[in-house]
Protein backbone atom coordinates (compact mmCIF):
# COMPACT_ATOMS: atom_id res chain seq x y z
CA MET A 1 48.13 -267.78 20.68
CA ILE A 2 51.46 -266.60 22.00
CA ASN A 3 52.53 -267.32 25.56
CA LEU A 4 51.68 -264.23 27.67
CA LYS A 5 55.12 -263.98 29.30
CA LEU A 6 56.73 -264.24 25.88
CA ALA A 7 54.43 -261.52 24.52
CA THR A 8 55.44 -259.30 27.43
CA MET A 9 59.12 -259.96 26.78
CA LEU A 10 58.62 -259.06 23.11
CA SER A 11 56.76 -255.88 24.12
CA ASP A 12 59.61 -254.97 26.44
CA GLU A 13 62.07 -255.51 23.60
CA MET A 14 59.89 -253.43 21.26
CA ASN A 15 60.03 -250.57 23.77
CA PHE A 16 63.76 -251.02 24.16
CA GLU A 17 64.18 -250.77 20.40
CA PHE A 18 62.33 -247.46 20.50
CA TYR A 19 64.60 -246.36 23.35
CA SER A 20 67.55 -247.45 21.21
CA ALA A 21 66.39 -245.15 18.43
CA TYR A 22 66.16 -242.28 20.92
CA LEU A 23 69.61 -243.13 22.30
CA TYR A 24 71.24 -243.19 18.85
CA PHE A 25 69.57 -239.88 18.00
CA GLY A 26 70.96 -238.41 21.21
CA LEU A 27 74.43 -239.74 20.34
CA ALA A 28 74.06 -238.18 16.87
CA ALA A 29 73.09 -234.84 18.37
CA ARG A 30 76.20 -234.84 20.59
CA LEU A 31 78.42 -235.74 17.64
CA ASP A 32 76.85 -232.87 15.70
CA GLU A 33 77.77 -230.57 18.60
CA LEU A 34 81.35 -231.85 18.31
CA ARG A 35 81.25 -231.02 14.58
CA LEU A 36 81.71 -234.68 13.60
CA SER A 37 78.97 -234.75 11.00
CA GLY A 38 79.98 -238.09 9.46
CA MET A 39 79.77 -239.85 12.79
CA ALA A 40 76.49 -238.07 13.52
CA GLN A 41 75.07 -239.16 10.16
CA TRP A 42 76.08 -242.74 10.92
CA MET A 43 74.34 -242.59 14.31
CA ARG A 44 71.17 -241.14 12.75
CA GLY A 45 71.15 -244.11 10.38
CA LYS A 46 71.32 -246.40 13.38
CA SER A 47 68.44 -244.50 14.97
CA ARG A 48 66.23 -245.10 11.92
CA GLU A 49 67.24 -248.76 11.95
CA GLU A 50 66.17 -249.12 15.58
CA LEU A 51 62.78 -247.54 14.80
CA ASP A 52 62.32 -250.15 12.08
CA HIS A 53 63.20 -252.88 14.58
CA GLY A 54 60.63 -251.56 17.07
CA MET A 55 57.99 -251.59 14.35
CA ALA A 56 58.91 -255.15 13.38
CA PHE A 57 58.51 -256.29 16.99
CA TYR A 58 55.15 -254.53 17.11
CA ARG A 59 53.99 -256.27 13.94
CA TYR A 60 55.13 -259.64 15.25
CA ILE A 61 53.29 -259.20 18.53
CA SER A 62 50.16 -258.00 16.76
CA ASP A 63 50.28 -260.81 14.18
CA ALA A 64 50.63 -263.31 17.03
CA GLY A 65 47.29 -262.10 18.41
CA ALA A 66 48.66 -260.20 21.40
CA ALA A 67 48.52 -256.54 22.31
CA ALA A 68 51.82 -254.66 22.43
CA GLU A 69 52.30 -252.67 25.61
CA PHE A 70 53.71 -249.22 24.92
CA LYS A 71 55.70 -247.66 27.74
CA PRO A 72 57.18 -244.17 28.11
CA VAL A 73 60.61 -243.79 26.49
CA PRO A 74 63.11 -242.50 29.06
CA PRO A 75 65.67 -239.90 28.07
CA PRO A 76 68.83 -241.47 26.68
CA ALA A 77 71.69 -241.88 29.11
CA PHE A 78 75.24 -242.05 27.78
CA ASP A 79 78.79 -240.81 28.30
CA ASP A 80 79.11 -237.86 25.95
CA GLY A 81 82.58 -236.64 26.78
CA THR A 82 84.48 -237.76 23.70
CA PRO A 83 83.75 -239.58 20.44
CA LEU A 84 85.36 -242.68 21.98
CA ALA A 85 83.04 -242.47 25.02
CA ILE A 86 80.04 -242.03 22.72
CA PHE A 87 80.90 -245.10 20.63
CA ASN A 88 81.69 -247.10 23.78
CA SER A 89 78.22 -246.16 25.07
CA ALA A 90 76.71 -247.46 21.85
CA LEU A 91 78.75 -250.69 22.10
CA GLU A 92 77.63 -251.33 25.70
CA HIS A 93 74.05 -250.65 24.67
CA GLU A 94 74.25 -253.17 21.82
CA ARG A 95 75.69 -255.76 24.20
CA ARG A 96 72.63 -255.24 26.39
CA VAL A 97 70.33 -255.69 23.38
CA THR A 98 72.14 -258.92 22.48
CA ALA A 99 71.69 -260.26 26.03
CA GLN A 100 68.01 -259.34 26.12
CA GLN A 101 67.27 -260.95 22.78
CA GLY A 102 69.14 -264.06 23.89
CA THR A 103 66.96 -264.25 26.98
CA ILE A 104 63.83 -264.00 24.82
CA SER A 105 65.08 -266.78 22.53
CA SER A 106 65.90 -269.00 25.49
CA PHE A 107 62.42 -268.58 26.89
CA ALA A 108 60.85 -269.11 23.45
CA LEU A 109 62.76 -272.40 23.19
CA GLU A 110 61.60 -273.36 26.66
CA VAL A 111 57.93 -272.85 25.67
CA HIS A 112 58.48 -274.33 22.21
CA ASP A 113 57.58 -271.16 20.31
CA PHE A 114 59.68 -271.74 17.23
CA GLY A 115 58.05 -268.82 15.42
CA VAL A 116 59.64 -266.38 17.86
CA ILE A 117 62.98 -268.17 17.53
CA ALA A 118 62.76 -267.85 13.72
CA PHE A 119 61.73 -264.18 14.01
CA LEU A 120 64.73 -263.41 16.24
CA GLU A 121 67.26 -265.33 14.14
CA ASP A 122 68.03 -262.38 11.88
CA TYR A 123 68.31 -260.08 14.88
CA HIS A 124 70.87 -262.37 16.52
CA ALA A 125 73.00 -262.28 13.36
CA GLU A 126 72.65 -258.51 13.12
CA GLN A 127 73.65 -258.09 16.77
CA ARG A 128 76.91 -259.95 16.17
CA SER A 129 77.60 -257.62 13.26
CA GLU A 130 76.64 -254.48 15.21
CA GLU A 131 78.85 -255.38 18.16
CA ARG A 132 81.79 -256.22 15.89
CA GLN A 133 81.44 -252.95 13.98
CA LEU A 134 81.11 -250.82 17.12
CA ASP A 135 84.03 -252.66 18.77
CA GLU A 136 86.17 -251.92 15.73
CA LEU A 137 85.14 -248.25 15.63
CA SER A 138 85.80 -247.89 19.36
CA ALA A 139 89.27 -249.43 18.93
CA ARG A 140 90.04 -247.08 16.06
CA LEU A 141 88.87 -244.06 18.04
CA GLU A 142 90.99 -245.20 20.97
CA MET A 143 94.00 -245.39 18.64
CA ALA A 144 93.19 -241.91 17.32
CA GLY A 145 93.22 -240.49 20.83
CA ASP A 146 93.42 -236.68 20.64
CA ASP A 147 94.76 -236.68 17.07
CA HIS A 148 92.22 -234.46 15.29
CA GLY A 149 93.39 -235.64 11.87
CA ALA A 150 92.73 -239.26 12.80
CA LEU A 151 89.31 -238.38 14.23
CA LEU A 152 88.42 -236.53 11.03
CA PHE A 153 89.57 -239.53 8.99
CA VAL A 154 87.14 -241.79 10.88
CA ASP A 155 84.47 -239.10 10.55
CA ARG A 156 84.88 -238.93 6.77
CA GLU A 157 84.92 -242.70 6.52
CA LEU A 158 81.58 -242.98 8.36
CA ALA A 159 80.13 -240.16 6.23
CA ALA A 160 80.87 -242.25 3.16
CA GLN A 161 78.91 -245.26 4.46
CA LYS A 162 75.33 -245.53 3.31
């Protein structure tokens, strides 16, 4: 059976993944308001991805013989002033996810739960990729500044991603 503290940490991460989905959906809604439909579409894709992550954490906890603890999902909090602020909010959020998952892995190593370490391995790799992509998008939006043509270029580019 899984260590109880580790199961709680995984449950907390599951809930945070569901919060992440809610956050990305909120970011998408704000980008829709700004008429940046490509960026909004990209954020909605991230929202669906986070829901999948939450479900994977649930399945892992359940398969390990523990009960997942579901907590209320708070409303998303983010800086919604500009596309740059929105993407910076997403980047900071992903950095927090990376840190939390690192803490879980460290504790799993401490209690010799190599199953959890193996489960999180793909998430660690994905987090590096997510942070790199959001950092690049934030840098490009910063370069674009108030240039509407440049913002629309980034918007179209994100709309083309599947």
